[in-house]
Each structure stands twice: as C-alpha cells, then as structure tokens.
Amino acid sequence: MSSEELHTEFEIAVKRVNDHTDPFPADFLLRLYAYYKKATNDYGRPSSKKPIINAFKTNALFQVKNISQDEAKREYINLVNNYFLYRT
C-alpha cells in the first residue's frame, strides 16, 4: 500500500470512529488515542482536566513511542476494522 493509500485508509477509519454514536470501551479509546497521536505527529501533552485520564493517555503514548507514523496508521486502521467487524 502506498503512503497516499495508507493515509486515505487512515482518514476513512478516523471518520468511522467520529461518526459512530455509541460509546467505545475505554481501553479501545486509549489505543485509538495513542495511535492517532503517533500517526498525526501530535506530541502535545494530554489535556484532560482529570489527572488520572492524563496519566492513562501518557502511558498509552509511551507504549507506541517506538513505532513509525505509518505503522501507527496501520494499527489504527486495524483496530477500527476489527472493532466494527467483531462488535456485537
């Protein structure tokens, strides 16, 4: 898959998540958050008003620190596709 195709697939996955109206599981959201931040090179600090949420987000970001931007996009796409494929 070319870089452009990967980016297009990533954008489609992001739209699927944004268009979904039911709540997602917290662990799923944390993984999405980390892969999204890595995929978009957004290294800003978590900005929740709750310190515990910031701690979980920081931990999630730490777990993806050694993967590439393209790998983060692939992982994000896989997470989204698997979620919608297997959810009940």
PDB file of N, CA and C in Angstrom:
ATOM      1  N   MET A   1       0.848  -1.165   0.000  1.00  0.00           N
ATOM      2  CA  MET A   1       0.000   0.000   0.000  1.00  0.00           C
ATOM      3  C   MET A   1       0.901   1.238   0.000  1.00  0.00           C
ATOM      4  N   SER A   2       0.611   2.155  -0.884  1.00  0.00           N
ATOM      5  CA  SER A   2       1.410   3.380  -0.962  1.00  0.00           C
ATOM      6  C   SER A   2       1.092   4.279   0.233  1.00  0.00           C
ATOM      7  N   SER A   3       1.941   5.261   0.437  1.00  0.00           N
ATOM      8  CA  SER A   3       1.751   6.202   1.535  1.00  0.00           C
ATOM      9  C   SER A   3       0.429   6.957   1.384  1.00  0.00           C
ATOM     10  N   GLU A   4       0.102   7.321   0.154  1.00  0.00           N
ATOM     11  CA  GLU A   4      -1.160   8.035  -0.098  1.00  0.00           C
ATOM     12  C   GLU A   4      -2.365   7.142   0.189  1.00  0.00           C
ATOM     13  N   GLU A   5      -2.284   5.878  -0.223  1.00  0.00           N
ATOM     14  CA  GLU A   5      -3.377   4.937   0.038  1.00  0.00           C
ATOM     15  C   GLU A   5      -3.532   4.695   1.538  1.00  0.00           C
ATOM     16  N   LEU A   6      -2.415   4.580   2.224  1.00  0.00           N
ATOM     17  CA  LEU A   6      -2.449   4.383   3.665  1.00  0.00           C
ATOM     18  C   LEU A   6      -3.107   5.580   4.347  1.00  0.00           C
ATOM     19  N   HIS A   7      -2.730   6.771   3.925  1.00  0.00           N
ATOM     20  CA  HIS A   7      -3.310   7.976   4.513  1.00  0.00           C
ATOM     21  C   HIS A   7      -4.821   8.034   4.254  1.00  0.00           C
ATOM     22  N   THR A   8      -5.244   7.666   3.056  1.00  0.00           N
ATOM     23  CA  THR A   8      -6.671   7.660   2.729  1.00  0.00           C
ATOM     24  C   THR A   8      -7.415   6.653   3.599  1.00  0.00           C
ATOM     25  N   GLU A   9      -6.869   5.458   3.751  1.00  0.00           N
ATOM     26  CA  GLU A   9      -7.489   4.440   4.604  1.00  0.00           C
ATOM     27  C   GLU A   9      -7.542   4.911   6.056  1.00  0.00           C
ATOM     28  N   PHE A  10      -6.498   5.586   6.501  1.00  0.00           N
ATOM     29  CA  PHE A  10      -6.461   6.125   7.853  1.00  0.00           C
ATOM     30  C   PHE A  10      -7.572   7.157   8.041  1.00  0.00           C
ATOM     31  N   GLU A  11      -7.716   8.057   7.091  1.00  0.00           N
ATOM     32  CA  GLU A  11      -8.763   9.081   7.179  1.00  0.00           C
ATOM     33  C   GLU A  11     -10.163   8.460   7.198  1.00  0.00           C
ATOM     34  N   ILE A  12     -10.357   7.392   6.438  1.00  0.00           N
ATOM     35  CA  ILE A  12     -11.641   6.684   6.431  1.00  0.00           C
ATOM     36  C   ILE A  12     -11.897   6.077   7.809  1.00  0.00           C
ATOM     37  N   ALA A  13     -10.866   5.477   8.400  1.00  0.00           N
ATOM     38  CA  ALA A  13     -11.015   4.883   9.733  1.00  0.00           C
ATOM     39  C   ALA A  13     -11.332   5.955  10.776  1.00  0.00           C
ATOM     40  N   VAL A  14     -10.670   7.092  10.698  1.00  0.00           N
ATOM     41  CA  VAL A  14     -10.935   8.195  11.625  1.00  0.00           C
ATOM     42  C   VAL A  14     -12.383   8.657  11.485  1.00  0.00           C
ATOM     43  N   LYS A  15     -12.853   8.758  10.263  1.00  0.00           N
ATOM     44  CA  LYS A  15     -14.242   9.175  10.030  1.00  0.00           C
ATOM     45  C   LYS A  15     -15.221   8.161  10.608  1.00  0.00           C
ATOM     46  N   ARG A  16     -14.932   6.872  10.455  1.00  0.00           N
ATOM     47  CA  ARG A  16     -15.804   5.838  11.030  1.00  0.00           C
ATOM     48  C   ARG A  16     -15.928   6.010  12.533  1.00  0.00           C
ATOM     49  N   VAL A  17     -14.805   6.278  13.180  1.00  0.00           N
ATOM     50  CA  VAL A  17     -14.813   6.471  14.629  1.00  0.00           C
ATOM     51  C   VAL A  17     -15.601   7.730  14.983  1.00  0.00           C
ATOM     52  N   ASN A  18     -15.342   8.811  14.287  1.00  0.00           N
ATOM     53  CA  ASN A  18     -16.021  10.071  14.584  1.00  0.00           C
ATOM     54  C   ASN A  18     -17.517  10.015  14.313  1.00  0.00           C
ATOM     55  N   ASP A  19     -17.933   9.211  13.348  1.00  0.00           N
ATOM     56  CA  ASP A  19     -19.350   9.106  13.005  1.00  0.00           C
ATOM     57  C   ASP A  19     -20.116   8.138  13.904  1.00  0.00           C
ATOM     58  N   HIS A  20     -19.396   7.309  14.632  1.00  0.00           N
ATOM     59  CA  HIS A  20     -20.025   6.299  15.491  1.00  0.00           C
ATOM     60  C   HIS A  20     -20.636   6.989  16.709  1.00  0.00           C
ATOM     61  N   THR A  21     -21.883   6.663  17.033  1.00  0.00           N
ATOM     62  CA  THR A  21     -22.566   7.363  18.116  1.00  0.00           C
ATOM     63  C   THR A  21     -22.595   6.605  19.440  1.00  0.00           C
ATOM     64  N   ASP A  22     -22.377   5.308  19.422  1.00  0.00           N
ATOM     65  CA  ASP A  22     -22.354   4.538  20.663  1.00  0.00           C
ATOM     66  C   ASP A  22     -20.999   4.704  21.354  1.00  0.00           C
ATOM     67  N   PRO A  23     -20.971   4.576  22.684  1.00  0.00           N
ATOM     68  CA  PRO A  23     -19.684   4.701  23.380  1.00  0.00           C
ATOM     69  C   PRO A  23     -18.747   3.533  23.076  1.00  0.00           C
ATOM     70  N   PHE A  24     -17.475   3.842  23.020  1.00  0.00           N
ATOM     71  CA  PHE A  24     -16.446   2.825  22.828  1.00  0.00           C
ATOM     72  C   PHE A  24     -15.905   2.403  24.195  1.00  0.00           C
ATOM     73  N   PRO A  25     -15.380   1.186  24.308  1.00  0.00           N
ATOM     74  CA  PRO A  25     -14.722   0.784  25.557  1.00  0.00           C
ATOM     75  C   PRO A  25     -13.497   1.661  25.831  1.00  0.00           C
ATOM     76  N   ALA A  26     -13.235   1.917  27.102  1.00  0.00           N
ATOM     77  CA  ALA A  26     -12.142   2.820  27.486  1.00  0.00           C
ATOM     78  C   ALA A  26     -10.784   2.348  26.979  1.00  0.00           C
ATOM     79  N   ASP A  27     -10.515   1.048  27.060  1.00  0.00           N
ATOM     80  CA  ASP A  27      -9.208   0.562  26.608  1.00  0.00           C
ATOM     81  C   ASP A  27      -9.040   0.738  25.105  1.00  0.00           C
ATOM     82  N   PHE A  28     -10.122   0.566  24.379  1.00  0.00           N
ATOM     83  CA  PHE A  28     -10.106   0.770  22.933  1.00  0.00           C
ATOM     84  C   PHE A  28      -9.820   2.244  22.621  1.00  0.00           C
ATOM     85  N   LEU A  29     -10.480   3.139  23.342  1.00  0.00           N
ATOM     86  CA  LEU A  29     -10.254   4.570  23.124  1.00  0.00           C
ATOM     87  C   LEU A  29      -8.815   4.979  23.403  1.00  0.00           C
ATOM     88  N   LEU A  30      -8.224   4.404  24.421  1.00  0.00           N
ATOM     89  CA  LEU A  30      -6.830   4.737  24.726  1.00  0.00           C
ATOM     90  C   LEU A  30      -5.890   4.283  23.620  1.00  0.00           C
ATOM     91  N   ARG A  31      -6.137   3.103  23.075  1.00  0.00           N
ATOM     92  CA  ARG A  31      -5.290   2.639  21.965  1.00  0.00           C
ATOM     93  C   ARG A  31      -5.495   3.511  20.729  1.00  0.00           C
ATOM     94  N   LEU A  32      -6.755   3.846  20.437  1.00  0.00           N
ATOM     95  CA  LEU A  32      -7.021   4.747  19.312  1.00  0.00           C
ATOM     96  C   LEU A  32      -6.304   6.077  19.510  1.00  0.00           C
ATOM     97  N   TYR A  33      -6.408   6.611  20.710  1.00  0.00           N
ATOM     98  CA  TYR A  33      -5.776   7.890  21.037  1.00  0.00           C
ATOM     99  C   TYR A  33      -4.275   7.843  20.757  1.00  0.00           C
ATOM    100  N   ALA A  34      -3.628   6.814  21.274  1.00  0.00           N
ATOM    101  CA  ALA A  34      -2.174   6.720  21.118  1.00  0.00           C
ATOM    102  C   ALA A  34      -1.771   6.580  19.653  1.00  0.00           C
ATOM    103  N   TYR A  35      -2.443   5.699  18.931  1.00  0.00           N
ATOM    104  CA  TYR A  35      -2.097   5.514  17.519  1.00  0.00           C
ATOM    105  C   TYR A  35      -2.421   6.761  16.701  1.00  0.00           C
ATOM    106  N   TYR A  36      -3.512   7.415  17.014  1.00  0.00           N
ATOM    107  CA  TYR A  36      -3.872   8.641  16.289  1.00  0.00           C
ATOM    108  C   TYR A  36      -2.816   9.723  16.518  1.00  0.00           C
ATOM    109  N   LYS A  37      -2.441   9.921  17.765  1.00  0.00           N
ATOM    110  CA  LYS A  37      -1.438  10.948  18.074  1.00  0.00           C
ATOM    111  C   LYS A  37      -0.111  10.651  17.367  1.00  0.00           C
ATOM    112  N   LYS A  38       0.290   9.383  17.393  1.00  0.00           N
ATOM    113  CA  LYS A  38       1.542   8.993  16.726  1.00  0.00           C
ATOM    114  C   LYS A  38       1.406   9.149  15.208  1.00  0.00           C
ATOM    115  N   ALA A  39       0.275   8.743  14.655  1.00  0.00           N
ATOM    116  CA  ALA A  39       0.058   8.807  13.202  1.00  0.00           C
ATOM    117  C   ALA A  39       0.028  10.239  12.686  1.00  0.00           C
ATOM    118  N   THR A  40      -0.415  11.163  13.523  1.00  0.00           N
ATOM    119  CA  THR A  40      -0.524  12.559  13.097  1.00  0.00           C
ATOM    120  C   THR A  40       0.621  13.421  13.613  1.00  0.00           C
ATOM    121  N   ASN A  41       1.605  12.783  14.251  1.00  0.00           N
ATOM    122  CA  ASN A  41       2.751  13.501  14.825  1.00  0.00           C
ATOM    123  C   ASN A  41       2.326  14.613  15.771  1.00  0.00           C
ATOM    124  N   ASP A  42       1.281  14.362  16.532  1.00  0.00           N
ATOM    125  CA  ASP A  42       0.797  15.326  17.520  1.00  0.00           C
ATOM    126  C   ASP A  42       1.364  14.922  18.875  1.00  0.00           C
ATOM    127  N   TYR A  43       2.388  15.616  19.292  1.00  0.00           N
ATOM    128  CA  TYR A  43       3.071  15.258  20.526  1.00  0.00           C
ATOM    129  C   TYR A  43       2.714  16.185  21.679  1.00  0.00           C
ATOM    130  N   GLY A  44       1.572  16.857  21.559  1.00  0.00           N
ATOM    131  CA  GLY A  44       1.119  17.714  22.650  1.00  0.00           C
ATOM    132  C   GLY A  44       0.754  16.887  23.867  1.00  0.00           C
ATOM    133  N   ARG A  45       0.842  17.498  25.011  1.00  0.00           N
ATOM    134  CA  ARG A  45       0.521  16.812  26.258  1.00  0.00           C
ATOM    135  C   ARG A  45      -0.981  16.557  26.343  1.00  0.00           C
ATOM    136  N   PRO A  46      -1.377  15.452  26.973  1.00  0.00           N
ATOM    137  CA  PRO A  46      -2.804  15.220  27.208  1.00  0.00           C
ATOM    138  C   PRO A  46      -3.393  16.388  27.995  1.00  0.00           C
ATOM    139  N   SER A  47      -4.608  16.756  27.675  1.00  0.00           N
ATOM    140  CA  SER A  47      -5.169  17.975  28.270  1.00  0.00           C
ATOM    141  C   SER A  47      -6.489  17.756  29.003  1.00  0.00           C
ATOM    142  N   SER A  48      -6.684  16.580  29.531  1.00  0.00           N
ATOM    143  CA  SER A  48      -7.883  16.333  30.317  1.00  0.00           C
ATOM    144  C   SER A  48      -7.806  17.110  31.623  1.00  0.00           C
ATOM    145  N   LYS A  49      -8.960  17.468  32.158  1.00  0.00           N
ATOM    146  CA  LYS A  49      -8.996  18.143  33.455  1.00  0.00           C
ATOM    147  C   LYS A  49      -8.787  17.167  34.599  1.00  0.00           C
ATOM    148  N   LYS A  50      -8.858  15.865  34.297  1.00  0.00           N
ATOM    149  CA  LYS A  50      -8.676  14.847  35.323  1.00  0.00           C
ATOM    150  C   LYS A  50      -7.271  14.252  35.208  1.00  0.00           C
ATOM    151  N   PRO A  51      -6.468  14.393  36.250  1.00  0.00           N
ATOM    152  CA  PRO A  51      -5.093  13.880  36.208  1.00  0.00           C
ATOM    153  C   PRO A  51      -5.006  12.383  35.890  1.00  0.00           C
ATOM    154  N   ILE A  52      -5.945  11.590  36.366  1.00  0.00           N
ATOM    155  CA  ILE A  52      -5.881  10.145  36.101  1.00  0.00           C
ATOM    156  C   ILE A  52      -6.044   9.852  34.608  1.00  0.00           C
ATOM    157  N   ILE A  53      -6.888  10.608  33.937  1.00  0.00           N
ATOM    158  CA  ILE A  53      -7.063  10.435  32.484  1.00  0.00           C
ATOM    159  C   ILE A  53      -5.762  10.791  31.772  1.00  0.00           C
ATOM    160  N   ASN A  54      -5.139  11.877  32.191  1.00  0.00           N
ATOM    161  CA  ASN A  54      -3.858  12.268  31.591  1.00  0.00           C
ATOM    162  C   ASN A  54      -2.798  11.191  31.813  1.00  0.00           C
ATOM    163  N   ALA A  55      -2.821  10.562  32.957  1.00  0.00           N
ATOM    164  CA  ALA A  55      -1.849   9.501  33.237  1.00  0.00           C
ATOM    165  C   ALA A  55      -2.067   8.315  32.303  1.00  0.00           C
ATOM    166  N   PHE A  56      -3.329   7.916  32.106  1.00  0.00           N
ATOM    167  CA  PHE A  56      -3.619   6.809  31.191  1.00  0.00           C
ATOM    168  C   PHE A  56      -3.217   7.162  29.755  1.00  0.00           C
ATOM    169  N   LYS A  57      -3.510   8.386  29.342  1.00  0.00           N
ATOM    170  CA  LYS A  57      -3.149   8.814  27.984  1.00  0.00           C
ATOM    171  C   LYS A  57      -1.633   8.848  27.808  1.00  0.00           C
ATOM    172  N   THR A  58      -0.939   9.358  28.807  1.00  0.00           N
ATOM    173  CA  THR A  58       0.521   9.407  28.736  1.00  0.00           C
ATOM    174  C   THR A  58       1.103   8.008  28.643  1.00  0.00           C
ATOM    175  N   ASN A  59       0.565   7.085  29.414  1.00  0.00           N
ATOM    176  CA  ASN A  59       1.015   5.703  29.357  1.00  0.00           C
ATOM    177  C   ASN A  59       0.759   5.103  27.974  1.00  0.00           C
ATOM    178  N   ALA A  60      -0.407   5.377  27.404  1.00  0.00           N
ATOM    179  CA  ALA A  60      -0.724   4.865  26.067  1.00  0.00           C
ATOM    180  C   ALA A  60       0.264   5.415  25.034  1.00  0.00           C
ATOM    181  N   LEU A  61       0.589   6.695  25.146  1.00  0.00           N
ATOM    182  CA  LEU A  61       1.559   7.295  24.220  1.00  0.00           C
ATOM    183  C   LEU A  61       2.942   6.677  24.400  1.00  0.00           C
ATOM    184  N   PHE A  62       3.316   6.418  25.619  1.00  0.00           N
ATOM    185  CA  PHE A  62       4.611   5.793  25.896  1.00  0.00           C
ATOM    186  C   PHE A  62       4.707   4.423  25.226  1.00  0.00           C
ATOM    187  N   GLN A  63       3.609   3.692  25.197  1.00  0.00           N
ATOM    188  CA  GLN A  63       3.608   2.349  24.629  1.00  0.00           C
ATOM    189  C   GLN A  63       3.799   2.334  23.110  1.00  0.00           C
ATOM    190  N   VAL A  64       3.537   3.439  22.436  1.00  0.00           N
ATOM    191  CA  VAL A  64       3.691   3.477  20.973  1.00  0.00           C
ATOM    192  C   VAL A  64       4.877   4.332  20.537  1.00  0.00           C
ATOM    193  N   LYS A  65       5.734   4.692  21.470  1.00  0.00           N
ATOM    194  CA  LYS A  65       6.809   5.631  21.135  1.00  0.00           C
ATOM    195  C   LYS A  65       7.801   5.096  20.107  1.00  0.00           C
ATOM    196  N   ASN A  66       7.941   3.780  19.990  1.00  0.00           N
ATOM    197  CA  ASN A  66       8.958   3.218  19.095  1.00  0.00           C
ATOM    198  C   ASN A  66       8.420   2.731  17.760  1.00  0.00           C
ATOM    199  N   ILE A  67       7.223   3.128  17.394  1.00  0.00           N
ATOM    200  CA  ILE A  67       6.712   2.733  16.087  1.00  0.00           C
ATOM    201  C   ILE A  67       6.695   3.943  15.159  1.00  0.00           C
ATOM    202  N   SER A  68       6.678   3.668  13.868  1.00  0.00           N
ATOM    203  CA  SER A  68       6.695   4.749  12.885  1.00  0.00           C
ATOM    204  C   SER A  68       5.299   5.345  12.708  1.00  0.00           C
ATOM    205  N   GLN A  69       5.255   6.466  12.055  1.00  0.00           N
ATOM    206  CA  GLN A  69       3.982   7.116  11.754  1.00  0.00           C
ATOM    207  C   GLN A  69       3.113   6.204  10.883  1.00  0.00           C
ATOM    208  N   ASP A  70       3.692   5.583   9.877  1.00  0.00           N
ATOM    209  CA  ASP A  70       2.924   4.684   9.010  1.00  0.00           C
ATOM    210  C   ASP A  70       2.437   3.452   9.761  1.00  0.00           C
ATOM    211  N   GLU A  71       3.259   2.910  10.654  1.00  0.00           N
ATOM    212  CA  GLU A  71       2.838   1.761  11.451  1.00  0.00           C
ATOM    213  C   GLU A  71       1.673   2.147  12.370  1.00  0.00           C
ATOM    214  N   ALA A  72       1.723   3.342  12.922  1.00  0.00           N
ATOM    215  CA  ALA A  72       0.624   3.821  13.765  1.00  0.00           C
ATOM    216  C   ALA A  72      -0.670   3.922  12.959  1.00  0.00           C
ATOM    217  N   LYS A  73      -0.571   4.391  11.734  1.00  0.00           N
ATOM    218  CA  LYS A  73      -1.758   4.456  10.871  1.00  0.00           C
ATOM    219  C   LYS A  73      -2.307   3.063  10.601  1.00  0.00           C
ATOM    220  N   ARG A  74      -1.416   2.120  10.307  1.00  0.00           N
ATOM    221  CA  ARG A  74      -1.861   0.741  10.056  1.00  0.00           C
ATOM    222  C   ARG A  74      -2.529   0.142  11.290  1.00  0.00           C
ATOM    223  N   GLU A  75      -1.945   0.359  12.443  1.00  0.00           N
ATOM    224  CA  GLU A  75      -2.514  -0.173  13.685  1.00  0.00           C
ATOM    225  C   GLU A  75      -3.876   0.460  13.978  1.00  0.00           C
ATOM    226  N   TYR A  76      -3.993   1.744  13.751  1.00  0.00           N
ATOM    227  CA  TYR A  76      -5.270   2.433  13.952  1.00  0.00           C
ATOM    228  C   TYR A  76      -6.342   1.844  13.036  1.00  0.00           C
ATOM    229  N   ILE A  77      -6.002   1.690  11.772  1.00  0.00           N
ATOM    230  CA  ILE A  77      -6.932   1.116  10.789  1.00  0.00           C
ATOM    231  C   ILE A  77      -7.341  -0.294  11.213  1.00  0.00           C
ATOM    232  N   ASN A  78      -6.380  -1.118  11.623  1.00  0.00           N
ATOM    233  CA  ASN A  78      -6.682  -2.483  12.053  1.00  0.00           C
ATOM    234  C   ASN A  78      -7.594  -2.503  13.277  1.00  0.00           C
ATOM    235  N   LEU A  79      -7.320  -1.641  14.245  1.00  0.00           N
ATOM    236  CA  LEU A  79      -8.171  -1.566  15.435  1.00  0.00           C
ATOM    237  C   LEU A  79      -9.608  -1.243  15.065  1.00  0.00           C
ATOM    238  N   VAL A  80      -9.772  -0.237  14.221  1.00  0.00           N
ATOM    239  CA  VAL A  80     -11.111   0.193  13.820  1.00  0.00           C
ATOM    240  C   VAL A  80     -11.812  -0.907  13.032  1.00  0.00           C
ATOM    241  N   ASN A  81     -11.135  -1.471  12.064  1.00  0.00           N
ATOM    242  CA  ASN A  81     -11.752  -2.524  11.251  1.00  0.00           C
ATOM    243  C   ASN A  81     -12.155  -3.717  12.104  1.00  0.00           C
ATOM    244  N   ASN A  82     -11.285  -4.136  13.014  1.00  0.00           N
ATOM    245  CA  ASN A  82     -11.604  -5.273  13.883  1.00  0.00           C
ATOM    246  C   ASN A  82     -12.746  -4.951  14.833  1.00  0.00           C
ATOM    247  N   TYR A  83     -12.779  -3.753  15.348  1.00  0.00           N
ATOM    248  CA  TYR A  83     -13.859  -3.373  16.253  1.00  0.00           C
ATOM    249  C   TYR A  83     -15.207  -3.481  15.554  1.00  0.00           C
ATOM    250  N   PHE A  84     -15.306  -2.902  14.388  1.00  0.00           N
ATOM    251  CA  PHE A  84     -16.590  -2.916  13.679  1.00  0.00           C
ATOM    252  C   PHE A  84     -16.922  -4.281  13.106  1.00  0.00           C
ATOM    253  N   LEU A  85     -15.923  -5.098  12.875  1.00  0.00           N
ATOM    254  CA  LEU A  85     -16.170  -6.452  12.367  1.00  0.00           C
ATOM    255  C   LEU A  85     -16.694  -7.365  13.465  1.00  0.00           C
ATOM    256  N   TYR A  86     -16.137  -7.231  14.674  1.00  0.00           N
ATOM    257  CA  TYR A  86     -16.438  -8.186  15.738  1.00  0.00           C
ATOM    258  C   TYR A  86     -17.369  -7.686  16.830  1.00  0.00           C
ATOM    259  N   ARG A  87     -17.792  -6.452  16.782  1.00  0.00           N
ATOM    260  CA  ARG A  87     -18.654  -5.955  17.856  1.00  0.00           C
ATOM    261  C   ARG A  87     -20.027  -6.625  17.763  1.00  0.00           C
ATOM    262  N   THR A  88     -20.682  -6.681  18.871  1.00  0.00           N
ATOM    263  CA  THR A  88     -21.991  -7.356  18.907  1.00  0.00           C
ATOM    264  C   THR A  88     -23.113  -6.350  18.940  1.00  0.00           C
TER     265      THR A  88
END
